[in-house]
Amino acid sequence: MIIVLNLFDLVVGQETVYADYLDRVQPVLARHRAKVLFYGKARAIFKGSASQDYCGIIGYADMASLRAFSHDPEFVAIQDLRDASTTNYVLSVYEETGTDGALSIGPLD
């Protein structure tokens, strides 16, 4: 499994733009069999300095599914909505290894 960790803040006054993005991205995610595993708001930082208020974790079957989603024309068409309504965005991709394989994983393809 591949997960994409999205950390971000909303731009004040652009909340309806972001809501439009969320509504429009759902069917694109579904078409690529991606699942929203978690979506929420930060409540505390116990270690480190992450400052983003929001977190979304999206699961994909594999890197090919993530690439297909990322290049889907319908997704490309709505990326500007996300970018105009968010700031301080960090998007990271992680591959599931389990704790036994955590130190032996090579680079992603």
Protein backbone atom coordinates (compact mmCIF):
# COMPACT_ATOMS: atom_id res chain seq x y z
CA MET A 1 0.00 0.00 0.00
CA ILE A 2 1.05 3.55 -0.72
CA ILE A 3 -0.19 6.44 1.38
CA VAL A 4 -0.01 10.13 0.66
CA LEU A 5 0.27 12.36 3.71
CA ASN A 6 -1.12 15.84 3.09
CA LEU A 7 -0.40 18.54 5.69
CA PHE A 8 -1.75 22.01 5.02
CA ASP A 9 -3.47 25.16 6.20
CA LEU A 10 -6.57 26.72 4.65
CA VAL A 11 -6.35 30.21 3.26
CA VAL A 12 -8.73 32.46 5.21
CA GLY A 13 -11.62 33.45 2.97
CA GLN A 14 -11.06 30.52 0.57
CA GLU A 15 -12.91 27.85 2.53
CA THR A 16 -15.69 27.52 -0.06
CA VAL A 17 -13.09 27.08 -2.81
CA TYR A 18 -11.51 24.25 -0.82
CA ALA A 19 -14.93 22.70 -0.17
CA ASP A 20 -15.54 22.75 -3.94
CA TYR A 21 -12.19 20.99 -4.46
CA LEU A 22 -13.10 18.31 -1.89
CA ASP A 23 -16.46 17.69 -3.57
CA ARG A 24 -14.87 17.41 -7.01
CA VAL A 25 -11.87 15.27 -6.04
CA GLN A 26 -13.94 12.50 -4.42
CA PRO A 27 -15.14 10.85 -7.65
CA VAL A 28 -11.63 11.05 -9.11
CA LEU A 29 -10.20 9.30 -6.05
CA ALA A 30 -12.94 6.66 -6.28
CA ARG A 31 -12.21 6.05 -9.96
CA HIS A 32 -8.61 5.19 -9.01
CA ARG A 33 -9.73 3.09 -6.03
CA ALA A 34 -8.03 5.48 -3.62
CA LYS A 35 -9.46 5.83 -0.12
CA VAL A 36 -9.43 8.69 2.33
CA LEU A 37 -8.02 6.88 5.36
CA PHE A 38 -8.02 9.93 7.61
CA TYR A 39 -8.94 13.59 7.41
CA GLY A 40 -8.74 15.86 10.41
CA LYS A 41 -7.53 18.93 12.24
CA ALA A 42 -4.45 19.11 14.47
CA ARG A 43 -5.11 19.22 18.18
CA ALA A 44 -1.57 19.10 19.61
CA ILE A 45 2.07 18.77 18.56
CA PHE A 46 4.00 16.60 21.00
CA LYS A 47 7.34 16.63 19.20
CA GLY A 48 8.75 18.53 16.26
CA SER A 49 7.62 21.71 14.62
CA ALA A 50 4.85 20.86 12.18
CA SER A 51 2.55 23.84 12.09
CA GLN A 52 -0.16 22.79 9.63
CA ASP A 53 -3.73 22.73 10.91
CA TYR A 54 -5.05 19.97 8.63
CA CYS A 55 -4.03 16.44 7.73
CA GLY A 56 -5.36 14.11 5.07
CA ILE A 57 -4.09 10.59 4.51
CA ILE A 58 -5.04 8.96 1.22
CA GLY A 59 -4.38 5.28 0.48
CA TYR A 60 -3.55 3.85 -2.95
CA ALA A 61 -3.03 0.24 -3.97
CA ASP A 62 0.38 0.99 -5.50
CA MET A 63 2.52 3.68 -7.14
CA ALA A 64 0.90 3.04 -10.52
CA SER A 65 -2.50 3.93 -9.04
CA LEU A 66 -1.10 7.10 -7.49
CA ARG A 67 0.52 8.10 -10.79
CA ALA A 68 -2.70 7.42 -12.70
CA PHE A 69 -4.64 9.59 -10.23
CA SER A 70 -2.02 12.37 -10.38
CA HIS A 71 -2.21 12.51 -14.19
CA ASP A 72 -5.98 12.13 -14.47
CA PRO A 73 -7.20 15.11 -16.55
CA GLU A 74 -10.12 15.68 -14.16
CA PHE A 75 -7.70 15.92 -11.21
CA VAL A 76 -5.29 18.15 -13.12
CA ALA A 77 -8.23 20.46 -13.90
CA ILE A 78 -9.05 20.99 -10.21
CA GLN A 79 -5.55 21.26 -8.72
CA ASP A 80 -5.75 25.05 -8.98
CA LEU A 81 -8.71 24.99 -6.57
CA ARG A 82 -6.61 23.15 -3.99
CA ASP A 83 -3.59 25.37 -4.56
CA ALA A 84 -5.61 28.61 -4.34
CA SER A 85 -7.29 27.60 -1.10
CA THR A 86 -4.39 26.06 0.83
CA THR A 87 -1.00 27.20 2.03
CA ASN A 88 1.99 25.71 3.87
CA TYR A 89 1.30 22.47 1.96
CA VAL A 90 3.48 19.42 2.49
CA LEU A 91 2.69 16.32 0.45
CA SER A 92 4.69 13.15 1.15
CA VAL A 93 4.41 9.63 -0.28
CA TYR A 94 5.06 6.57 1.90
CA GLU A 95 5.23 2.88 1.08
CA GLU A 96 4.06 0.35 3.64
CA THR A 97 6.94 -1.83 4.83
CA GLY A 98 5.81 -3.18 8.17
CA THR A 99 8.21 -2.96 11.07
CA ASP A 100 10.24 -5.99 9.94
CA GLY A 101 11.10 -4.42 6.58
CA ALA A 102 11.43 -0.83 7.69
CA LEU A 103 15.20 -0.64 7.26
CA SER A 104 15.53 -2.69 4.09
CA ILE A 105 13.30 -0.81 1.65
CA GLY A 106 14.90 0.63 -1.46
CA PRO A 107 13.90 3.69 -3.50
CA LEU A 108 10.39 3.97 -4.90
CA ASP A 109 10.03 3.25 -8.60
